[in-house]
Amino acid sequence: MKKVVRFTIVAFAILMFSSCDKKQHAIDNLSDLVEKVEKNASDFTEEDWAEVDQQYDKIIAEIDKYDYSSDDSKRISKLKGKYSGLKTRNTFNKIVDGIDKTAKEVKGAIEGFTEGLSGGND
């Protein structure tokens, strides 16, 4: 009987340690991903973003399986916010680049139109 109780206690302890380890591993994965995005976002292609978004969603799904302490929850929220901010900044930069490109195209079209109206040549 003592062996059964001892085995149960050891098995429970291993299970608890394993669960804590998985919880922390999920947070570490999120932290690593956010760090990777922070360092490389400016060089990401659309395909890179798609891959990173899939990794992010997978990590968040893993995180959502566990209950966390207040401090861990705060850290997770901060990492999620940082990821969202990096992604938003990337989207904003793409919009600005698109506007800049369009403005240059419109300027060229206006110059060409004006030259056409005035009968000017290149």
Protein backbone atom coordinates (compact mmCIF):
# COMPACT_ATOMS: atom_id res chain seq x y z
CA MET A 1 0.00 0.00 0.00
CA LYS A 2 2.87 2.38 0.81
CA LYS A 3 4.30 1.75 -2.64
CA VAL A 4 1.01 2.64 -4.28
CA VAL A 5 0.72 5.89 -2.30
CA ARG A 6 4.36 6.76 -2.98
CA PHE A 7 3.94 6.00 -6.69
CA THR A 8 0.80 8.15 -6.82
CA ILE A 9 2.56 11.06 -5.13
CA VAL A 10 5.57 10.80 -7.46
CA ALA A 11 3.36 10.50 -10.53
CA PHE A 12 1.33 13.52 -9.44
CA ALA A 13 4.48 15.56 -8.81
CA ILE A 14 5.87 14.67 -12.25
CA LEU A 15 2.55 15.57 -13.85
CA MET A 16 2.45 18.93 -12.07
CA PHE A 17 6.07 19.71 -12.99
CA SER A 18 5.43 18.73 -16.60
CA SER A 19 2.36 20.96 -16.75
CA CYS A 20 4.24 23.93 -15.28
CA ASP A 21 7.06 23.32 -17.73
CA LYS A 22 4.64 23.31 -20.69
CA LYS A 23 3.01 26.51 -19.45
CA GLN A 24 6.35 28.28 -19.19
CA HIS A 25 7.48 26.85 -22.51
CA ALA A 26 4.44 28.40 -24.22
CA ILE A 27 5.26 31.82 -22.74
CA ASP A 28 8.90 31.45 -23.79
CA ASN A 29 7.80 30.55 -27.32
CA LEU A 30 5.66 33.68 -27.49
CA SER A 31 8.51 35.81 -26.19
CA ASP A 32 10.93 34.33 -28.73
CA LEU A 33 8.47 34.89 -31.58
CA VAL A 34 7.85 38.51 -30.61
CA GLU A 35 11.60 39.08 -30.38
CA LYS A 36 12.08 37.53 -33.85
CA VAL A 37 9.35 39.75 -35.30
CA GLU A 38 10.77 42.84 -33.63
CA LYS A 39 14.20 42.21 -35.12
CA ASN A 40 13.08 41.17 -38.63
CA ALA A 41 9.66 42.71 -39.33
CA SER A 42 11.00 45.33 -41.71
CA ASP A 43 12.40 42.58 -43.94
CA PHE A 44 9.36 40.28 -43.82
CA THR A 45 7.57 39.35 -47.03
CA GLU A 46 3.86 38.59 -47.15
CA GLU A 47 4.76 34.90 -46.91
CA ASP A 48 6.91 35.57 -43.83
CA TRP A 49 4.00 37.35 -42.15
CA ALA A 50 1.64 34.50 -43.00
CA GLU A 51 4.06 32.00 -41.45
CA VAL A 52 4.61 34.13 -38.35
CA ASP A 53 0.85 34.61 -37.94
CA GLN A 54 0.37 30.83 -38.03
CA GLN A 55 3.09 30.37 -35.40
CA TYR A 56 1.53 33.10 -33.26
CA ASP A 57 -1.94 31.52 -33.48
CA LYS A 58 -0.51 28.11 -32.57
CA ILE A 59 1.35 29.53 -29.55
CA ILE A 60 -1.72 31.44 -28.36
CA ALA A 61 -3.82 28.28 -28.67
CA GLU A 62 -1.26 26.50 -26.47
CA ILE A 63 -1.23 29.35 -23.94
CA ASP A 64 -5.03 29.32 -23.77
CA LYS A 65 -4.94 25.73 -22.49
CA TYR A 66 -3.53 26.82 -19.12
CA ASP A 67 -4.33 29.07 -16.21
CA TYR A 68 -1.62 31.56 -15.34
CA SER A 69 -0.67 33.68 -12.37
CA SER A 70 -1.42 37.39 -12.47
CA ASP A 71 2.23 38.16 -13.30
CA ASP A 72 2.35 35.60 -16.11
CA SER A 73 -0.97 36.85 -17.50
CA LYS A 74 0.39 40.40 -17.50
CA ARG A 75 3.54 39.26 -19.32
CA ILE A 76 1.47 37.35 -21.88
CA SER A 77 -0.78 40.37 -22.46
CA LYS A 78 2.24 42.60 -22.90
CA LEU A 79 3.74 40.22 -25.47
CA LYS A 80 0.42 39.97 -27.32
CA GLY A 81 0.17 43.76 -27.37
CA LYS A 82 3.71 44.12 -28.63
CA TYR A 83 3.05 41.63 -31.43
CA SER A 84 -0.11 43.49 -32.41
CA GLY A 85 1.78 46.78 -32.38
CA LEU A 86 4.54 45.41 -34.59
CA LYS A 87 2.01 44.01 -37.01
CA THR A 88 0.06 47.28 -37.07
CA ARG A 89 3.24 49.27 -37.69
CA ASN A 90 4.07 46.98 -40.62
CA THR A 91 0.58 47.44 -42.08
CA PHE A 92 0.79 51.21 -41.60
CA ASN A 93 4.20 51.32 -43.32
CA LYS A 94 2.79 49.36 -46.28
CA ILE A 95 -0.11 51.81 -46.56
CA VAL A 96 2.25 54.80 -46.45
CA ASP A 97 4.50 53.20 -49.07
CA GLY A 98 1.45 52.57 -51.26
CA ILE A 99 0.29 56.18 -50.89
CA ASP A 100 3.78 57.43 -51.72
CA LYS A 101 3.94 55.26 -54.83
CA THR A 102 0.47 56.34 -55.91
CA ALA A 103 1.33 60.02 -55.34
CA LYS A 104 4.40 59.67 -57.57
CA GLU A 105 2.32 57.96 -60.25
CA VAL A 106 -0.35 60.66 -60.08
CA LYS A 107 2.31 63.38 -60.26
CA GLY A 108 3.76 61.74 -63.38
CA ALA A 109 0.32 61.42 -64.94
CA ILE A 110 -0.45 65.08 -64.24
CA GLU A 111 2.89 66.14 -65.73
CA GLY A 112 2.21 64.04 -68.80
CA PHE A 113 -1.32 65.34 -69.12
CA THR A 114 -0.13 68.94 -68.75
CA GLU A 115 2.53 68.40 -71.41
CA GLY A 116 -0.08 66.84 -73.66
CA LEU A 117 -2.39 69.81 -73.24
CA SER A 118 0.33 72.35 -73.89
CA GLY A 119 1.66 70.43 -76.89
CA GLY A 120 5.07 70.00 -75.25
CA ASN A 121 7.43 67.18 -76.03
CA ASP A 122 9.54 65.05 -73.70
